[in-house]
Amino acid sequence: MADVHTYKFDVKMTCPGCSGAVERVLKKTEGVESYEISLEKQEVLVKGTIPYDDLHAKIAKTGKEVRSGITV
């Protein structure tokens, strides 16, 4: 069984449409168990078995700027 990781990304989101775009991508992504999106904190917390680089690429694909990301 693959290890579950928690990732925290600093994503530039300026409106509910931005966070909605990120949410739509995460919802469809295999290996994502749960996620939390905070528009106020410009933060995306994701828990799952997906590799960091794959997840980073998925979020970046929404066109939002991923300023940083860490494994927590």
PDB file of N, CA and C in Angstrom:
ATOM      1  N   MET A   1       0.834  -1.201   0.000  1.00  0.00           N
ATOM      2  CA  MET A   1       0.000   0.000   0.000  1.00  0.00           C
ATOM      3  C   MET A   1       0.875   1.258   0.000  1.00  0.00           C
ATOM      4  N   ALA A   2       0.493   2.210  -0.780  1.00  0.00           N
ATOM      5  CA  ALA A   2       1.271   3.447  -0.889  1.00  0.00           C
ATOM      6  C   ALA A   2       1.115   4.300   0.372  1.00  0.00           C
ATOM      7  N   ASP A   3       2.161   5.031   0.688  1.00  0.00           N
ATOM      8  CA  ASP A   3       2.121   5.914   1.851  1.00  0.00           C
ATOM      9  C   ASP A   3       1.237   7.117   1.584  1.00  0.00           C
ATOM     10  N   VAL A   4       0.565   7.550   2.630  1.00  0.00           N
ATOM     11  CA  VAL A   4      -0.261   8.753   2.536  1.00  0.00           C
ATOM     12  C   VAL A   4       0.582   9.934   2.995  1.00  0.00           C
ATOM     13  N   HIS A   5       0.583  10.973   2.206  1.00  0.00           N
ATOM     14  CA  HIS A   5       1.330  12.189   2.528  1.00  0.00           C
ATOM     15  C   HIS A   5       0.370  13.359   2.657  1.00  0.00           C
ATOM     16  N   THR A   6       0.813  14.389   3.342  1.00  0.00           N
ATOM     17  CA  THR A   6       0.053  15.631   3.404  1.00  0.00           C
ATOM     18  C   THR A   6       0.931  16.724   2.805  1.00  0.00           C
ATOM     19  N   TYR A   7       0.369  17.434   1.853  1.00  0.00           N
ATOM     20  CA  TYR A   7       1.102  18.500   1.175  1.00  0.00           C
ATOM     21  C   TYR A   7       0.400  19.828   1.424  1.00  0.00           C
ATOM     22  N   LYS A   8       1.208  20.867   1.543  1.00  0.00           N
ATOM     23  CA  LYS A   8       0.654  22.211   1.722  1.00  0.00           C
ATOM     24  C   LYS A   8       1.223  23.099   0.626  1.00  0.00           C
ATOM     25  N   PHE A   9       0.336  23.690  -0.148  1.00  0.00           N
ATOM     26  CA  PHE A   9       0.750  24.565  -1.246  1.00  0.00           C
ATOM     27  C   PHE A   9       0.285  25.986  -1.001  1.00  0.00           C
ATOM     28  N   ASP A  10       1.127  26.925  -1.361  1.00  0.00           N
ATOM     29  CA  ASP A  10       0.781  28.341  -1.337  1.00  0.00           C
ATOM     30  C   ASP A  10       0.389  28.665  -2.779  1.00  0.00           C
ATOM     31  N   VAL A  11      -0.903  28.827  -2.996  1.00  0.00           N
ATOM     32  CA  VAL A  11      -1.417  29.029  -4.353  1.00  0.00           C
ATOM     33  C   VAL A  11      -2.089  30.393  -4.448  1.00  0.00           C
ATOM     34  N   LYS A  12      -1.734  31.139  -5.486  1.00  0.00           N
ATOM     35  CA  LYS A  12      -2.315  32.465  -5.667  1.00  0.00           C
ATOM     36  C   LYS A  12      -3.752  32.318  -6.168  1.00  0.00           C
ATOM     37  N   MET A  13      -4.715  32.586  -5.290  1.00  0.00           N
ATOM     38  CA  MET A  13      -6.133  32.525  -5.629  1.00  0.00           C
ATOM     39  C   MET A  13      -6.771  33.845  -5.216  1.00  0.00           C
ATOM     40  N   THR A  14      -7.434  34.492  -6.148  1.00  0.00           N
ATOM     41  CA  THR A  14      -7.963  35.819  -5.843  1.00  0.00           C
ATOM     42  C   THR A  14      -9.478  35.860  -5.692  1.00  0.00           C
ATOM     43  N   CYS A  15     -10.162  34.780  -6.058  1.00  0.00           N
ATOM     44  CA  CYS A  15     -11.617  34.780  -5.980  1.00  0.00           C
ATOM     45  C   CYS A  15     -12.147  33.359  -5.824  1.00  0.00           C
ATOM     46  N   PRO A  16     -13.432  33.210  -5.473  1.00  0.00           N
ATOM     47  CA  PRO A  16     -14.001  31.872  -5.343  1.00  0.00           C
ATOM     48  C   PRO A  16     -13.888  31.047  -6.630  1.00  0.00           C
ATOM     49  N   GLY A  17     -13.834  31.699  -7.756  1.00  0.00           N
ATOM     50  CA  GLY A  17     -13.660  30.991  -9.030  1.00  0.00           C
ATOM     51  C   GLY A  17     -12.305  30.303  -9.089  1.00  0.00           C
ATOM     52  N   CYS A  18     -11.291  30.967  -8.527  1.00  0.00           N
ATOM     53  CA  CYS A  18      -9.934  30.407  -8.489  1.00  0.00           C
ATOM     54  C   CYS A  18      -9.900  29.147  -7.637  1.00  0.00           C
ATOM     55  N   SER A  19     -10.433  29.256  -6.415  1.00  0.00           N
ATOM     56  CA  SER A  19     -10.419  28.100  -5.526  1.00  0.00           C
ATOM     57  C   SER A  19     -11.313  26.999  -6.092  1.00  0.00           C
ATOM     58  N   GLY A  20     -12.366  27.375  -6.797  1.00  0.00           N
ATOM     59  CA  GLY A  20     -13.248  26.400  -7.435  1.00  0.00           C
ATOM     60  C   GLY A  20     -12.540  25.616  -8.516  1.00  0.00           C
ATOM     61  N   ALA A  21     -11.682  26.286  -9.264  1.00  0.00           N
ATOM     62  CA  ALA A  21     -10.918  25.622 -10.332  1.00  0.00           C
ATOM     63  C   ALA A  21      -9.970  24.590  -9.736  1.00  0.00           C
ATOM     64  N   VAL A  22      -9.317  24.961  -8.637  1.00  0.00           N
ATOM     65  CA  VAL A  22      -8.398  24.049  -7.958  1.00  0.00           C
ATOM     66  C   VAL A  22      -9.186  22.861  -7.401  1.00  0.00           C
ATOM     67  N   GLU A  23     -10.347  23.146  -6.821  1.00  0.00           N
ATOM     68  CA  GLU A  23     -11.174  22.092  -6.242  1.00  0.00           C
ATOM     69  C   GLU A  23     -11.633  21.090  -7.296  1.00  0.00           C
ATOM     70  N   ARG A  24     -12.049  21.587  -8.456  1.00  0.00           N
ATOM     71  CA  ARG A  24     -12.505  20.701  -9.542  1.00  0.00           C
ATOM     72  C   ARG A  24     -11.404  19.740  -9.971  1.00  0.00           C
ATOM     73  N   VAL A  25     -10.169  20.226 -10.044  1.00  0.00           N
ATOM     74  CA  VAL A  25      -9.034  19.389 -10.431  1.00  0.00           C
ATOM     75  C   VAL A  25      -8.742  18.333  -9.357  1.00  0.00           C
ATOM     76  N   LEU A  26      -8.723  18.758  -8.088  1.00  0.00           N
ATOM     77  CA  LEU A  26      -8.414  17.831  -7.001  1.00  0.00           C
ATOM     78  C   LEU A  26      -9.471  16.734  -6.874  1.00  0.00           C
ATOM     79  N   LYS A  27     -10.722  17.101  -7.114  1.00  0.00           N
ATOM     80  CA  LYS A  27     -11.836  16.157  -7.025  1.00  0.00           C
ATOM     81  C   LYS A  27     -11.667  14.989  -7.985  1.00  0.00           C
ATOM     82  N   LYS A  28     -11.102  15.291  -9.154  1.00  0.00           N
ATOM     83  CA  LYS A  28     -10.948  14.280 -10.210  1.00  0.00           C
ATOM     84  C   LYS A  28      -9.608  13.553 -10.163  1.00  0.00           C
ATOM     85  N   THR A  29      -8.701  13.998  -9.306  1.00  0.00           N
ATOM     86  CA  THR A  29      -7.346  13.461  -9.299  1.00  0.00           C
ATOM     87  C   THR A  29      -7.247  12.171  -8.496  1.00  0.00           C
ATOM     88  N   GLU A  30      -6.721  11.150  -9.146  1.00  0.00           N
ATOM     89  CA  GLU A  30      -6.525   9.878  -8.476  1.00  0.00           C
ATOM     90  C   GLU A  30      -5.391  10.000  -7.465  1.00  0.00           C
ATOM     91  N   GLY A  31      -5.570   9.384  -6.298  1.00  0.00           N
ATOM     92  CA  GLY A  31      -4.537   9.444  -5.271  1.00  0.00           C
ATOM     93  C   GLY A  31      -4.746  10.567  -4.280  1.00  0.00           C
ATOM     94  N   VAL A  32      -5.802  11.385  -4.489  1.00  0.00           N
ATOM     95  CA  VAL A  32      -6.131  12.448  -3.543  1.00  0.00           C
ATOM     96  C   VAL A  32      -7.238  11.932  -2.630  1.00  0.00           C
ATOM     97  N   GLU A  33      -6.945  11.852  -1.335  1.00  0.00           N
ATOM     98  CA  GLU A  33      -7.940  11.340  -0.392  1.00  0.00           C
ATOM     99  C   GLU A  33      -8.815  12.450   0.163  1.00  0.00           C
ATOM    100  N   SER A  34      -8.192  13.558   0.490  1.00  0.00           N
ATOM    101  CA  SER A  34      -8.959  14.693   0.998  1.00  0.00           C
ATOM    102  C   SER A  34      -8.174  15.969   0.724  1.00  0.00           C
ATOM    103  N   TYR A  35      -8.873  17.079   0.754  1.00  0.00           N
ATOM    104  CA  TYR A  35      -8.220  18.366   0.532  1.00  0.00           C
ATOM    105  C   TYR A  35      -8.980  19.466   1.236  1.00  0.00           C
ATOM    106  N   GLU A  36      -8.273  20.540   1.501  1.00  0.00           N
ATOM    107  CA  GLU A  36      -8.847  21.709   2.139  1.00  0.00           C
ATOM    108  C   GLU A  36      -8.304  22.919   1.391  1.00  0.00           C
ATOM    109  N   ILE A  37      -9.193  23.787   0.965  1.00  0.00           N
ATOM    110  CA  ILE A  37      -8.762  24.972   0.220  1.00  0.00           C
ATOM    111  C   ILE A  37      -9.173  26.213   0.998  1.00  0.00           C
ATOM    112  N   SER A  38      -8.210  27.054   1.303  1.00  0.00           N
ATOM    113  CA  SER A  38      -8.499  28.295   2.016  1.00  0.00           C
ATOM    114  C   SER A  38      -8.164  29.475   1.115  1.00  0.00           C
ATOM    115  N   LEU A  39      -9.206  30.159   0.677  1.00  0.00           N
ATOM    116  CA  LEU A  39      -9.032  31.332  -0.175  1.00  0.00           C
ATOM    117  C   LEU A  39      -8.363  32.453   0.628  1.00  0.00           C
ATOM    118  N   GLU A  40      -8.764  32.600   1.893  1.00  0.00           N
ATOM    119  CA  GLU A  40      -8.197  33.650   2.748  1.00  0.00           C
ATOM    120  C   GLU A  40      -6.697  33.478   2.941  1.00  0.00           C
ATOM    121  N   LYS A  41      -6.285  32.240   3.233  1.00  0.00           N
ATOM    122  CA  LYS A  41      -4.866  31.974   3.488  1.00  0.00           C
ATOM    123  C   LYS A  41      -4.093  31.685   2.211  1.00  0.00           C
ATOM    124  N   GLN A  42      -4.812  31.579   1.066  1.00  0.00           N
ATOM    125  CA  GLN A  42      -4.181  31.240  -0.217  1.00  0.00           C
ATOM    126  C   GLN A  42      -3.459  29.906  -0.080  1.00  0.00           C
ATOM    127  N   GLU A  43      -4.149  28.968   0.550  1.00  0.00           N
ATOM    128  CA  GLU A  43      -3.511  27.715   0.909  1.00  0.00           C
ATOM    129  C   GLU A  43      -4.332  26.520   0.442  1.00  0.00           C
ATOM    130  N   VAL A  44      -3.626  25.507  -0.035  1.00  0.00           N
ATOM    131  CA  VAL A  44      -4.272  24.262  -0.431  1.00  0.00           C
ATOM    132  C   VAL A  44      -3.581  23.133   0.322  1.00  0.00           C
ATOM    133  N   LEU A  45      -4.345  22.430   1.138  1.00  0.00           N
ATOM    134  CA  LEU A  45      -3.834  21.289   1.901  1.00  0.00           C
ATOM    135  C   LEU A  45      -4.389  20.031   1.259  1.00  0.00           C
ATOM    136  N   VAL A  46      -3.525  19.109   0.913  1.00  0.00           N
ATOM    137  CA  VAL A  46      -3.971  17.887   0.252  1.00  0.00           C
ATOM    138  C   VAL A  46      -3.393  16.674   0.963  1.00  0.00           C
ATOM    139  N   LYS A  47      -4.233  15.680   1.164  1.00  0.00           N
ATOM    140  CA  LYS A  47      -3.803  14.428   1.775  1.00  0.00           C
ATOM    141  C   LYS A  47      -4.058  13.328   0.763  1.00  0.00           C
ATOM    142  N   GLY A  48      -3.031  12.512   0.519  1.00  0.00           N
ATOM    143  CA  GLY A  48      -3.223  11.416  -0.411  1.00  0.00           C
ATOM    144  C   GLY A  48      -1.941  10.679  -0.729  1.00  0.00           C
ATOM    145  N   THR A  49      -2.060   9.739  -1.660  1.00  0.00           N
ATOM    146  CA  THR A  49      -0.926   8.899  -2.040  1.00  0.00           C
ATOM    147  C   THR A  49      -0.259   9.398  -3.320  1.00  0.00           C
ATOM    148  N   ILE A  50      -0.802  10.455  -3.909  1.00  0.00           N
ATOM    149  CA  ILE A  50      -0.253  11.008  -5.153  1.00  0.00           C
ATOM    150  C   ILE A  50       1.148  11.578  -4.898  1.00  0.00           C
ATOM    151  N   PRO A  51       2.094  11.354  -5.817  1.00  0.00           N
ATOM    152  CA  PRO A  51       3.429  11.947  -5.646  1.00  0.00           C
ATOM    153  C   PRO A  51       3.376  13.480  -5.698  1.00  0.00           C
ATOM    154  N   TYR A  52       4.261  14.116  -4.949  1.00  0.00           N
ATOM    155  CA  TYR A  52       4.310  15.581  -4.865  1.00  0.00           C
ATOM    156  C   TYR A  52       4.354  16.252  -6.238  1.00  0.00           C
ATOM    157  N   ASP A  53       5.256  15.799  -7.095  1.00  0.00           N
ATOM    158  CA  ASP A  53       5.424  16.441  -8.411  1.00  0.00           C
ATOM    159  C   ASP A  53       4.164  16.358  -9.260  1.00  0.00           C
ATOM    160  N   ASP A  54       3.476  15.216  -9.196  1.00  0.00           N
ATOM    161  CA  ASP A  54       2.236  15.044  -9.958  1.00  0.00           C
ATOM    162  C   ASP A  54       1.173  16.016  -9.473  1.00  0.00           C
ATOM    163  N   LEU A  55       1.080  16.134  -8.152  1.00  0.00           N
ATOM    164  CA  LEU A  55       0.085  17.027  -7.561  1.00  0.00           C
ATOM    165  C   LEU A  55       0.395  18.483  -7.895  1.00  0.00           C
ATOM    166  N   HIS A  56       1.657  18.854  -7.789  1.00  0.00           N
ATOM    167  CA  HIS A  56       2.092  20.217  -8.117  1.00  0.00           C
ATOM    168  C   HIS A  56       1.703  20.544  -9.567  1.00  0.00           C
ATOM    169  N   ALA A  57       1.949  19.613 -10.460  1.00  0.00           N
ATOM    170  CA  ALA A  57       1.633  19.813 -11.879  1.00  0.00           C
ATOM    171  C   ALA A  57       0.126  19.971 -12.099  1.00  0.00           C
ATOM    172  N   LYS A  58      -0.671  19.182 -11.383  1.00  0.00           N
ATOM    173  CA  LYS A  58      -2.132  19.254 -11.508  1.00  0.00           C
ATOM    174  C   LYS A  58      -2.639  20.628 -11.089  1.00  0.00           C
ATOM    175  N   ILE A  59      -2.138  21.126  -9.959  1.00  0.00           N
ATOM    176  CA  ILE A  59      -2.577  22.434  -9.462  1.00  0.00           C
ATOM    177  C   ILE A  59      -2.109  23.532 -10.411  1.00  0.00           C
ATOM    178  N   ALA A  60      -0.864  23.427 -10.887  1.00  0.00           N
ATOM    179  CA  ALA A  60      -0.317  24.432 -11.808  1.00  0.00           C
ATOM    180  C   ALA A  60      -1.106  24.473 -13.118  1.00  0.00           C
ATOM    181  N   LYS A  61      -1.656  23.320 -13.523  1.00  0.00           N
ATOM    182  CA  LYS A  61      -2.423  23.221 -14.764  1.00  0.00           C
ATOM    183  C   LYS A  61      -3.688  24.069 -14.751  1.00  0.00           C
ATOM    184  N   THR A  62      -4.163  24.425 -13.550  1.00  0.00           N
ATOM    185  CA  THR A  62      -5.367  25.254 -13.457  1.00  0.00           C
ATOM    186  C   THR A  62      -5.056  26.694 -13.871  1.00  0.00           C
ATOM    187  N   GLY A  63      -3.753  26.994 -14.025  1.00  0.00           N
ATOM    188  CA  GLY A  63      -3.371  28.346 -14.405  1.00  0.00           C
ATOM    189  C   GLY A  63      -3.091  29.219 -13.186  1.00  0.00           C
ATOM    190  N   LYS A  64      -3.270  28.656 -12.002  1.00  0.00           N
ATOM    191  CA  LYS A  64      -2.990  29.409 -10.778  1.00  0.00           C
ATOM    192  C   LYS A  64      -1.499  29.305 -10.483  1.00  0.00           C
ATOM    193  N   GLU A  65      -0.959  30.359  -9.930  1.00  0.00           N
ATOM    194  CA  GLU A  65       0.467  30.366  -9.603  1.00  0.00           C
ATOM    195  C   GLU A  65       0.692  29.627  -8.286  1.00  0.00           C
ATOM    196  N   VAL A  66       1.503  28.564  -8.343  1.00  0.00           N
ATOM    197  CA  VAL A  66       1.863  27.845  -7.121  1.00  0.00           C
ATOM    198  C   VAL A  66       3.161  28.462  -6.616  1.00  0.00           C
ATOM    199  N   ARG A  67       3.027  29.274  -5.567  1.00  0.00           N
ATOM    200  CA  ARG A  67       4.194  30.017  -5.067  1.00  0.00           C
ATOM    201  C   ARG A  67       5.162  29.114  -4.309  1.00  0.00           C
ATOM    202  N   SER A  68       4.627  28.146  -3.590  1.00  0.00           N
ATOM    203  CA  SER A  68       5.498  27.193  -2.898  1.00  0.00           C
ATOM    204  C   SER A  68       4.681  25.994  -2.472  1.00  0.00           C
ATOM    205  N   GLY A  69       5.390  24.935  -2.131  1.00  0.00           N
ATOM    206  CA  GLY A  69       4.723  23.733  -1.671  1.00  0.00           C
ATOM    207  C   GLY A  69       5.664  22.935  -0.783  1.00  0.00           C
ATOM    208  N   ILE A  70       5.106  22.337   0.258  1.00  0.00           N
ATOM    209  CA  ILE A  70       5.913  21.525   1.171  1.00  0.00           C
ATOM    210  C   ILE A  70       5.151  20.257   1.539  1.00  0.00           C
ATOM    211  N   THR A  71       5.901  19.270   1.979  1.00  0.00           N
ATOM    212  CA  THR A  71       5.299  18.076   2.537  1.00  0.00           C
ATOM    213  C   THR A  71       5.271  18.280   4.045  1.00  0.00           C
ATOM    214  N   VAL A  72       4.098  18.148   4.642  1.00  0.00           N
ATOM    215  CA  VAL A  72       3.996  18.379   6.089  1.00  0.00           C
ATOM    216  C   VAL A  72       3.798  17.082   6.850  1.00  0.00           C
TER     217      VAL A  72
END
